[in-house]
Amino acid sequence: VTTHGCFETQPFDVTHAGPGTLWVSDEEAFATLSASETLNVVRVSEVEMKERLWKKLAVSCVLNPLTALHSCRNGEALPGREDVCRAVCAEIASLD
């Protein structure tokens, strides 16, 4: 799971917009990815990884449709659309 920011400027051209953290639960993946000083890799347990994946899914369920519908980036998606965000979050929270 990552919080690094990026956006596509044109097909097959991606800009790294902001540093974040990369969480992994696999020991081998952690050892390999930790070689990079820029990825900010953190090893977590399987339980924590599942929780992070659910949270990432919830954020993506809110942001991805809004950015697509309004042709904007993540930081521009929420202002003025708080009601939609709350409704989507409530639906996600009701999932088992």
N, C-alpha and C. Protein backbone atom coordinates (compact mmCIF):
# COMPACT_ATOMS: atom_id res chain seq x y z
N VAL A 1 0.86 -1.16 0.00
CA VAL A 1 0.00 0.00 0.00
C VAL A 1 0.91 1.22 0.00
N THR A 2 0.58 2.21 -0.83
CA THR A 2 1.43 3.39 -0.91
C THR A 2 0.64 4.68 -0.80
N THR A 3 1.32 5.71 -0.33
CA THR A 3 0.73 7.04 -0.31
C THR A 3 1.53 8.00 -1.20
N HIS A 4 2.46 7.45 -1.98
CA HIS A 4 3.16 8.29 -2.94
C HIS A 4 2.15 8.85 -3.93
N GLY A 5 2.29 10.10 -4.30
CA GLY A 5 1.37 10.72 -5.24
C GLY A 5 1.94 10.76 -6.64
N CYS A 6 1.09 10.53 -7.62
CA CYS A 6 1.51 10.63 -9.01
C CYS A 6 0.31 10.95 -9.88
N PHE A 7 0.59 11.43 -11.07
CA PHE A 7 -0.48 11.66 -12.03
C PHE A 7 0.07 11.50 -13.43
N GLU A 8 -0.82 11.15 -14.34
CA GLU A 8 -0.45 10.93 -15.73
C GLU A 8 -0.57 12.25 -16.49
N THR A 9 0.52 12.67 -17.14
CA THR A 9 0.50 13.91 -17.92
C THR A 9 0.10 13.65 -19.36
N GLN A 10 0.38 12.44 -19.81
CA GLN A 10 -0.04 11.95 -21.12
C GLN A 10 0.13 10.43 -21.08
N PRO A 11 -0.40 9.71 -22.05
CA PRO A 11 -0.27 8.25 -21.99
C PRO A 11 1.19 7.82 -21.81
N PHE A 12 1.41 6.95 -20.83
CA PHE A 12 2.72 6.38 -20.51
C PHE A 12 3.71 7.41 -19.97
N ASP A 13 3.25 8.55 -19.50
CA ASP A 13 4.11 9.57 -18.91
C ASP A 13 3.52 9.94 -17.55
N VAL A 14 4.18 9.51 -16.50
CA VAL A 14 3.67 9.70 -15.14
C VAL A 14 4.64 10.58 -14.36
N THR A 15 4.08 11.53 -13.64
CA THR A 15 4.86 12.44 -12.81
C THR A 15 4.69 12.05 -11.34
N HIS A 16 5.81 11.90 -10.64
CA HIS A 16 5.78 11.64 -9.20
C HIS A 16 5.50 12.98 -8.53
N ALA A 17 4.30 13.14 -7.99
CA ALA A 17 3.85 14.43 -7.49
C ALA A 17 4.19 14.67 -6.03
N GLY A 18 4.40 13.61 -5.29
CA GLY A 18 4.71 13.81 -3.88
C GLY A 18 5.17 12.55 -3.20
N PRO A 19 6.17 12.67 -2.32
CA PRO A 19 6.66 11.49 -1.61
C PRO A 19 5.64 10.99 -0.60
N GLY A 20 5.71 9.73 -0.34
CA GLY A 20 4.81 9.11 0.63
C GLY A 20 5.51 7.96 1.31
N THR A 21 4.74 7.00 1.73
CA THR A 21 5.25 5.80 2.38
C THR A 21 4.74 4.58 1.62
N LEU A 22 5.55 3.56 1.57
CA LEU A 22 5.18 2.28 0.96
C LEU A 22 5.19 1.22 2.05
N TRP A 23 4.03 0.68 2.39
CA TRP A 23 3.92 -0.35 3.42
C TRP A 23 3.85 -1.71 2.75
N VAL A 24 4.64 -2.66 3.25
CA VAL A 24 4.63 -4.03 2.75
C VAL A 24 4.62 -4.99 3.93
N SER A 25 4.03 -6.16 3.71
CA SER A 25 4.01 -7.16 4.77
C SER A 25 4.93 -8.34 4.46
N ASP A 26 5.33 -8.46 3.23
CA ASP A 26 6.18 -9.57 2.79
C ASP A 26 7.66 -9.26 3.09
N GLU A 27 8.31 -10.16 3.76
CA GLU A 27 9.71 -9.96 4.17
C GLU A 27 10.64 -9.79 2.97
N GLU A 28 10.46 -10.62 1.94
CA GLU A 28 11.33 -10.54 0.76
C GLU A 28 11.11 -9.23 0.00
N ALA A 29 9.85 -8.83 -0.13
CA ALA A 29 9.55 -7.56 -0.80
C ALA A 29 10.16 -6.40 -0.01
N PHE A 30 10.05 -6.47 1.30
CA PHE A 30 10.62 -5.42 2.14
C PHE A 30 12.13 -5.32 1.93
N ALA A 31 12.80 -6.47 1.93
CA ALA A 31 14.25 -6.47 1.76
C ALA A 31 14.65 -5.88 0.41
N THR A 32 13.92 -6.22 -0.62
CA THR A 32 14.23 -5.72 -1.97
C THR A 32 13.93 -4.23 -2.09
N LEU A 33 12.74 -3.82 -1.67
CA LEU A 33 12.32 -2.44 -1.84
C LEU A 33 13.06 -1.48 -0.91
N SER A 34 13.55 -1.97 0.21
CA SER A 34 14.27 -1.12 1.15
C SER A 34 15.59 -0.61 0.58
N ALA A 35 16.05 -1.21 -0.48
CA ALA A 35 17.29 -0.75 -1.12
C ALA A 35 17.12 0.65 -1.69
N SER A 36 15.90 1.05 -1.96
CA SER A 36 15.62 2.39 -2.47
C SER A 36 15.49 3.37 -1.31
N GLU A 37 16.24 4.44 -1.36
CA GLU A 37 16.16 5.45 -0.31
C GLU A 37 14.94 6.35 -0.48
N THR A 38 14.36 6.37 -1.66
CA THR A 38 13.25 7.30 -1.93
C THR A 38 11.87 6.71 -1.70
N LEU A 39 11.76 5.39 -1.55
CA LEU A 39 10.44 4.77 -1.40
C LEU A 39 9.87 4.87 0.01
N ASN A 40 10.72 5.06 1.00
CA ASN A 40 10.27 5.12 2.39
C ASN A 40 9.44 3.88 2.73
N VAL A 41 10.08 2.72 2.68
CA VAL A 41 9.41 1.43 2.87
C VAL A 41 9.32 1.09 4.36
N VAL A 42 8.13 0.64 4.76
CA VAL A 42 7.88 0.24 6.15
C VAL A 42 7.28 -1.17 6.13
N ARG A 43 7.83 -2.05 6.95
CA ARG A 43 7.28 -3.41 7.04
C ARG A 43 6.22 -3.44 8.13
N VAL A 44 5.07 -4.05 7.80
CA VAL A 44 3.96 -4.17 8.74
C VAL A 44 3.48 -5.61 8.79
N SER A 45 2.70 -5.94 9.80
CA SER A 45 2.16 -7.28 9.92
C SER A 45 1.05 -7.49 8.88
N GLU A 46 0.68 -8.74 8.69
CA GLU A 46 -0.43 -9.06 7.78
C GLU A 46 -1.73 -8.41 8.24
N VAL A 47 -1.96 -8.40 9.54
CA VAL A 47 -3.18 -7.80 10.09
C VAL A 47 -3.21 -6.30 9.78
N GLU A 48 -2.10 -5.61 10.03
CA GLU A 48 -2.05 -4.18 9.73
C GLU A 48 -2.17 -3.92 8.23
N MET A 49 -1.59 -4.79 7.42
CA MET A 49 -1.68 -4.61 5.97
C MET A 49 -3.14 -4.70 5.51
N LYS A 50 -3.88 -5.67 6.03
CA LYS A 50 -5.30 -5.79 5.66
C LYS A 50 -6.07 -4.53 6.04
N GLU A 51 -5.80 -3.98 7.20
CA GLU A 51 -6.46 -2.75 7.63
C GLU A 51 -6.09 -1.59 6.71
N ARG A 52 -4.82 -1.47 6.35
CA ARG A 52 -4.37 -0.41 5.45
C ARG A 52 -5.00 -0.56 4.06
N LEU A 53 -5.15 -1.80 3.60
CA LEU A 53 -5.76 -2.03 2.29
C LEU A 53 -7.22 -1.59 2.29
N TRP A 54 -7.96 -1.90 3.37
CA TRP A 54 -9.36 -1.46 3.45
C TRP A 54 -9.46 0.05 3.46
N LYS A 55 -8.58 0.71 4.21
CA LYS A 55 -8.60 2.17 4.27
C LYS A 55 -8.25 2.78 2.90
N LYS A 56 -7.26 2.19 2.23
CA LYS A 56 -6.88 2.68 0.90
C LYS A 56 -8.04 2.49 -0.07
N LEU A 57 -8.74 1.37 0.02
CA LEU A 57 -9.91 1.13 -0.83
C LEU A 57 -10.99 2.18 -0.57
N ALA A 58 -11.22 2.48 0.69
CA ALA A 58 -12.24 3.48 1.03
C ALA A 58 -11.88 4.84 0.45
N VAL A 59 -10.64 5.25 0.58
CA VAL A 59 -10.20 6.54 0.02
C VAL A 59 -10.34 6.52 -1.50
N SER A 60 -9.95 5.44 -2.12
CA SER A 60 -10.05 5.33 -3.59
C SER A 60 -11.50 5.36 -4.06
N CYS A 61 -12.40 4.76 -3.28
CA CYS A 61 -13.83 4.76 -3.64
C CYS A 61 -14.41 6.17 -3.62
N VAL A 62 -13.86 7.03 -2.80
CA VAL A 62 -14.32 8.41 -2.73
C VAL A 62 -13.62 9.26 -3.80
N LEU A 63 -12.30 9.22 -3.80
CA LEU A 63 -11.54 10.13 -4.65
C LEU A 63 -11.57 9.79 -6.14
N ASN A 64 -11.42 8.54 -6.50
CA ASN A 64 -11.31 8.19 -7.92
C ASN A 64 -12.51 8.63 -8.75
N PRO A 65 -13.74 8.35 -8.32
CA PRO A 65 -14.88 8.83 -9.12
C PRO A 65 -14.97 10.35 -9.19
N LEU A 66 -14.67 11.03 -8.07
CA LEU A 66 -14.76 12.48 -8.06
C LEU A 66 -13.72 13.11 -8.99
N THR A 67 -12.50 12.59 -8.97
CA THR A 67 -11.47 13.15 -9.85
C THR A 67 -11.80 12.87 -11.31
N ALA A 68 -12.38 11.72 -11.60
CA ALA A 68 -12.76 11.40 -12.98
C ALA A 68 -13.93 12.25 -13.46
N LEU A 69 -14.95 12.39 -12.63
CA LEU A 69 -16.14 13.15 -13.02
C LEU A 69 -15.86 14.64 -13.16
N HIS A 70 -14.95 15.16 -12.34
CA HIS A 70 -14.70 16.60 -12.33
C HIS A 70 -13.36 16.98 -12.95
N SER A 71 -12.68 16.01 -13.56
CA SER A 71 -11.39 16.25 -14.22
C SER A 71 -10.44 17.07 -13.34
N CYS A 72 -10.23 16.56 -12.13
CA CYS A 72 -9.36 17.28 -11.20
C CYS A 72 -8.43 16.29 -10.50
N ARG A 73 -7.50 16.83 -9.75
CA ARG A 73 -6.58 16.00 -8.97
C ARG A 73 -7.17 15.79 -7.57
N ASN A 74 -6.57 14.86 -6.85
CA ASN A 74 -7.09 14.49 -5.52
C ASN A 74 -7.31 15.69 -4.61
N GLY A 75 -6.37 16.58 -4.54
CA GLY A 75 -6.48 17.73 -3.65
C GLY A 75 -7.61 18.68 -3.99
N GLU A 76 -8.12 18.59 -5.22
CA GLU A 76 -9.20 19.47 -5.66
C GLU A 76 -10.56 18.78 -5.64
N ALA A 77 -10.59 17.51 -5.30
CA ALA A 77 -11.81 16.71 -5.44
C ALA A 77 -12.82 16.91 -4.31
N LEU A 78 -12.37 17.19 -3.10
CA LEU A 78 -13.27 17.19 -1.95
C LEU A 78 -13.99 18.50 -1.65
N PRO A 79 -13.33 19.65 -1.76
CA PRO A 79 -14.02 20.90 -1.39
C PRO A 79 -15.35 21.07 -2.14
N GLY A 80 -16.41 21.30 -1.36
CA GLY A 80 -17.74 21.48 -1.94
C GLY A 80 -18.48 20.18 -2.22
N ARG A 81 -17.84 19.06 -1.95
CA ARG A 81 -18.46 17.76 -2.22
C ARG A 81 -18.48 16.89 -0.97
N GLU A 82 -18.50 17.52 0.18
CA GLU A 82 -18.44 16.80 1.45
C GLU A 82 -19.61 15.85 1.65
N ASP A 83 -20.82 16.24 1.19
CA ASP A 83 -21.99 15.37 1.34
C ASP A 83 -21.82 14.06 0.59
N VAL A 84 -21.31 14.14 -0.61
CA VAL A 84 -21.05 12.93 -1.41
C VAL A 84 -20.01 12.07 -0.71
N CYS A 85 -18.97 12.69 -0.21
CA CYS A 85 -17.92 11.95 0.50
C CYS A 85 -18.47 11.22 1.71
N ARG A 86 -19.30 11.92 2.49
CA ARG A 86 -19.88 11.29 3.68
C ARG A 86 -20.77 10.11 3.30
N ALA A 87 -21.55 10.26 2.24
CA ALA A 87 -22.44 9.18 1.81
C ALA A 87 -21.65 7.95 1.37
N VAL A 88 -20.60 8.17 0.61
CA VAL A 88 -19.77 7.04 0.15
C VAL A 88 -19.07 6.39 1.34
N CYS A 89 -18.54 7.19 2.24
CA CYS A 89 -17.87 6.64 3.43
C CYS A 89 -18.83 5.83 4.30
N ALA A 90 -20.07 6.30 4.44
CA ALA A 90 -21.06 5.56 5.22
C ALA A 90 -21.37 4.22 4.58
N GLU A 91 -21.46 4.21 3.25
CA GLU A 91 -21.70 2.94 2.55
C GLU A 91 -20.55 1.98 2.73
N ILE A 92 -19.33 2.49 2.63
CA ILE A 92 -18.14 1.64 2.79
C ILE A 92 -18.09 1.09 4.22
N ALA A 93 -18.39 1.94 5.21
CA ALA A 93 -18.34 1.52 6.62
C ALA A 93 -19.35 0.43 6.93
N SER A 94 -20.41 0.34 6.13
CA SER A 94 -21.44 -0.67 6.39
C SER A 94 -21.04 -2.05 5.85
N LEU A 95 -19.96 -2.13 5.09
CA LEU A 95 -19.52 -3.42 4.53
C LEU A 95 -18.89 -4.29 5.60
N ASP A 96 -19.06 -5.58 5.45
CA ASP A 96 -18.43 -6.53 6.39
C ASP A 96 -17.09 -6.95 5.90
